[in-house]
Amino acid sequence: MTAGEKARAKIEQVKGASKQALGRSLGNDRLAAEGQTERNTGGAREAREKAKDAFKH
């Protein structure tokens, strides 16, 4: 996993978690759902990079 991709995935996960928490606290379902989607996207990106690393070695 390249450092840039790893950082990008983590940033996306943190950003999504923040949006999700803010959306929940404000009662904004759309913002909470958007945050959840962003978290999942970051998680998928991280999983993809880990899989690529596993097959490199």
N, C-alpha and C. Protein backbone atom coordinates (compact mmCIF):
# COMPACT_ATOMS: atom_id res chain seq x y z
N MET A 1 0.85 -1.16 0.00
CA MET A 1 0.00 0.00 0.00
C MET A 1 0.90 1.23 0.00
N THR A 2 0.73 2.07 -0.98
CA THR A 2 1.54 3.28 -1.01
C THR A 2 1.11 4.22 0.10
N ALA A 3 2.03 5.00 0.55
CA ALA A 3 1.74 5.92 1.65
C ALA A 3 0.65 6.92 1.26
N GLY A 4 0.69 7.38 0.02
CA GLY A 4 -0.31 8.34 -0.44
C GLY A 4 -1.71 7.76 -0.47
N GLU A 5 -1.84 6.55 -0.96
CA GLU A 5 -3.14 5.90 -1.01
C GLU A 5 -3.65 5.56 0.39
N LYS A 6 -2.74 5.16 1.27
CA LYS A 6 -3.12 4.84 2.64
C LYS A 6 -3.64 6.09 3.34
N ALA A 7 -2.94 7.19 3.17
CA ALA A 7 -3.35 8.45 3.78
C ALA A 7 -4.69 8.91 3.20
N ARG A 8 -4.84 8.77 1.91
CA ARG A 8 -6.09 9.16 1.25
C ARG A 8 -7.27 8.36 1.79
N ALA A 9 -7.08 7.07 1.98
CA ALA A 9 -8.15 6.21 2.51
C ALA A 9 -8.50 6.60 3.94
N LYS A 10 -7.49 6.85 4.77
CA LYS A 10 -7.73 7.23 6.16
C LYS A 10 -8.42 8.59 6.25
N ILE A 11 -7.98 9.53 5.44
CA ILE A 11 -8.61 10.85 5.43
C ILE A 11 -10.07 10.74 5.04
N GLU A 12 -10.34 9.93 4.04
CA GLU A 12 -11.72 9.74 3.59
C GLU A 12 -12.57 9.11 4.70
N GLN A 13 -12.00 8.16 5.43
CA GLN A 13 -12.74 7.53 6.52
C GLN A 13 -13.03 8.51 7.65
N VAL A 14 -12.04 9.31 8.01
CA VAL A 14 -12.21 10.29 9.09
C VAL A 14 -13.21 11.37 8.68
N LYS A 15 -13.08 11.83 7.46
CA LYS A 15 -13.99 12.86 6.96
C LYS A 15 -15.43 12.34 6.94
N GLY A 16 -15.59 11.10 6.53
CA GLY A 16 -16.92 10.48 6.51
C GLY A 16 -17.49 10.31 7.90
N ALA A 17 -16.65 9.89 8.84
CA ALA A 17 -17.11 9.72 10.22
C ALA A 17 -17.54 11.05 10.81
N SER A 18 -16.81 12.10 10.49
CA SER A 18 -17.16 13.44 10.99
C SER A 18 -18.50 13.89 10.43
N LYS A 19 -18.68 13.70 9.13
CA LYS A 19 -19.95 14.08 8.50
C LYS A 19 -21.10 13.28 9.09
N GLN A 20 -20.87 12.01 9.29
CA GLN A 20 -21.91 11.14 9.82
C GLN A 20 -22.30 11.58 11.23
N ALA A 21 -21.33 11.86 12.07
CA ALA A 21 -21.60 12.30 13.44
C ALA A 21 -22.32 13.64 13.46
N LEU A 22 -21.88 14.54 12.62
CA LEU A 22 -22.53 15.86 12.55
C LEU A 22 -23.96 15.72 12.06
N GLY A 23 -24.16 14.90 11.05
CA GLY A 23 -25.50 14.68 10.53
C GLY A 23 -26.43 14.08 11.57
N ARG A 24 -25.93 13.13 12.32
CA ARG A 24 -26.74 12.51 13.38
C ARG A 24 -27.09 13.51 14.47
N SER A 25 -26.10 14.31 14.87
CA SER A 25 -26.34 15.25 15.96
C SER A 25 -27.31 16.36 15.55
N LEU A 26 -27.29 16.71 14.27
CA LEU A 26 -28.19 17.76 13.79
C LEU A 26 -29.54 17.20 13.32
N GLY A 27 -29.63 15.88 13.26
CA GLY A 27 -30.86 15.27 12.77
C GLY A 27 -30.98 15.35 11.25
N ASN A 28 -29.84 15.52 10.58
CA ASN A 28 -29.81 15.63 9.13
C ASN A 28 -29.46 14.25 8.55
N ASP A 29 -30.50 13.53 8.13
CA ASP A 29 -30.30 12.17 7.62
C ASP A 29 -29.46 12.13 6.36
N ARG A 30 -29.61 13.12 5.49
CA ARG A 30 -28.85 13.15 4.25
C ARG A 30 -27.36 13.28 4.52
N LEU A 31 -27.00 14.16 5.43
CA LEU A 31 -25.59 14.36 5.78
C LEU A 31 -25.01 13.11 6.46
N ALA A 32 -25.80 12.48 7.31
CA ALA A 32 -25.36 11.26 7.97
C ALA A 32 -25.14 10.14 6.95
N ALA A 33 -26.03 10.03 5.99
CA ALA A 33 -25.90 9.00 4.96
C ALA A 33 -24.69 9.29 4.06
N GLU A 34 -24.49 10.54 3.75
CA GLU A 34 -23.34 10.93 2.93
C GLU A 34 -22.03 10.59 3.66
N GLY A 35 -22.00 10.83 4.95
CA GLY A 35 -20.83 10.50 5.76
C GLY A 35 -20.58 9.00 5.79
N GLN A 36 -21.65 8.23 5.94
CA GLN A 36 -21.51 6.76 5.95
C GLN A 36 -20.96 6.27 4.62
N THR A 37 -21.45 6.83 3.53
CA THR A 37 -20.97 6.46 2.20
C THR A 37 -19.49 6.77 2.05
N GLU A 38 -19.09 7.94 2.53
CA GLU A 38 -17.69 8.34 2.44
C GLU A 38 -16.80 7.41 3.28
N ARG A 39 -17.27 7.05 4.47
CA ARG A 39 -16.52 6.10 5.31
C ARG A 39 -16.36 4.77 4.60
N ASN A 40 -17.43 4.28 4.01
CA ASN A 40 -17.37 2.99 3.31
C ASN A 40 -16.44 3.05 2.12
N THR A 41 -16.44 4.16 1.41
CA THR A 41 -15.55 4.32 0.26
C THR A 41 -14.10 4.28 0.71
N GLY A 42 -13.80 4.96 1.81
CA GLY A 42 -12.44 4.94 2.35
C GLY A 42 -12.04 3.55 2.80
N GLY A 43 -12.96 2.83 3.41
CA GLY A 43 -12.69 1.46 3.83
C GLY A 43 -12.44 0.53 2.65
N ALA A 44 -13.22 0.72 1.60
CA ALA A 44 -13.03 -0.10 0.40
C ALA A 44 -11.70 0.21 -0.26
N ARG A 45 -11.34 1.48 -0.28
CA ARG A 45 -10.06 1.87 -0.87
C ARG A 45 -8.90 1.24 -0.09
N GLU A 46 -9.01 1.25 1.24
CA GLU A 46 -7.97 0.66 2.08
C GLU A 46 -7.89 -0.86 1.86
N ALA A 47 -9.03 -1.52 1.78
CA ALA A 47 -9.06 -2.96 1.56
C ALA A 47 -8.45 -3.32 0.21
N ARG A 48 -8.75 -2.51 -0.80
CA ARG A 48 -8.20 -2.77 -2.14
C ARG A 48 -6.68 -2.66 -2.12
N GLU A 49 -6.16 -1.64 -1.45
CA GLU A 49 -4.72 -1.46 -1.38
C GLU A 49 -4.05 -2.58 -0.59
N LYS A 50 -4.70 -3.04 0.47
CA LYS A 50 -4.13 -4.14 1.24
C LYS A 50 -4.11 -5.43 0.42
N ALA A 51 -5.14 -5.63 -0.39
CA ALA A 51 -5.19 -6.82 -1.26
C ALA A 51 -4.08 -6.75 -2.30
N LYS A 52 -3.86 -5.56 -2.85
CA LYS A 52 -2.77 -5.41 -3.83
C LYS A 52 -1.43 -5.73 -3.19
N ASP A 53 -1.24 -5.27 -1.95
CA ASP A 53 0.01 -5.55 -1.23
C ASP A 53 0.18 -7.04 -0.97
N ALA A 54 -0.90 -7.71 -0.63
CA ALA A 54 -0.84 -9.14 -0.32
C ALA A 54 -0.38 -9.95 -1.54
N PHE A 55 -0.80 -9.53 -2.73
CA PHE A 55 -0.43 -10.27 -3.93
C PHE A 55 0.93 -9.87 -4.49
N LYS A 56 1.49 -8.80 -3.99
CA LYS A 56 2.82 -8.38 -4.43
C LYS A 56 3.89 -9.30 -3.87
N HIS A 57 3.68 -9.79 -2.66
CA HIS A 57 4.73 -10.54 -1.97
C HIS A 57 4.57 -12.00 -2.20
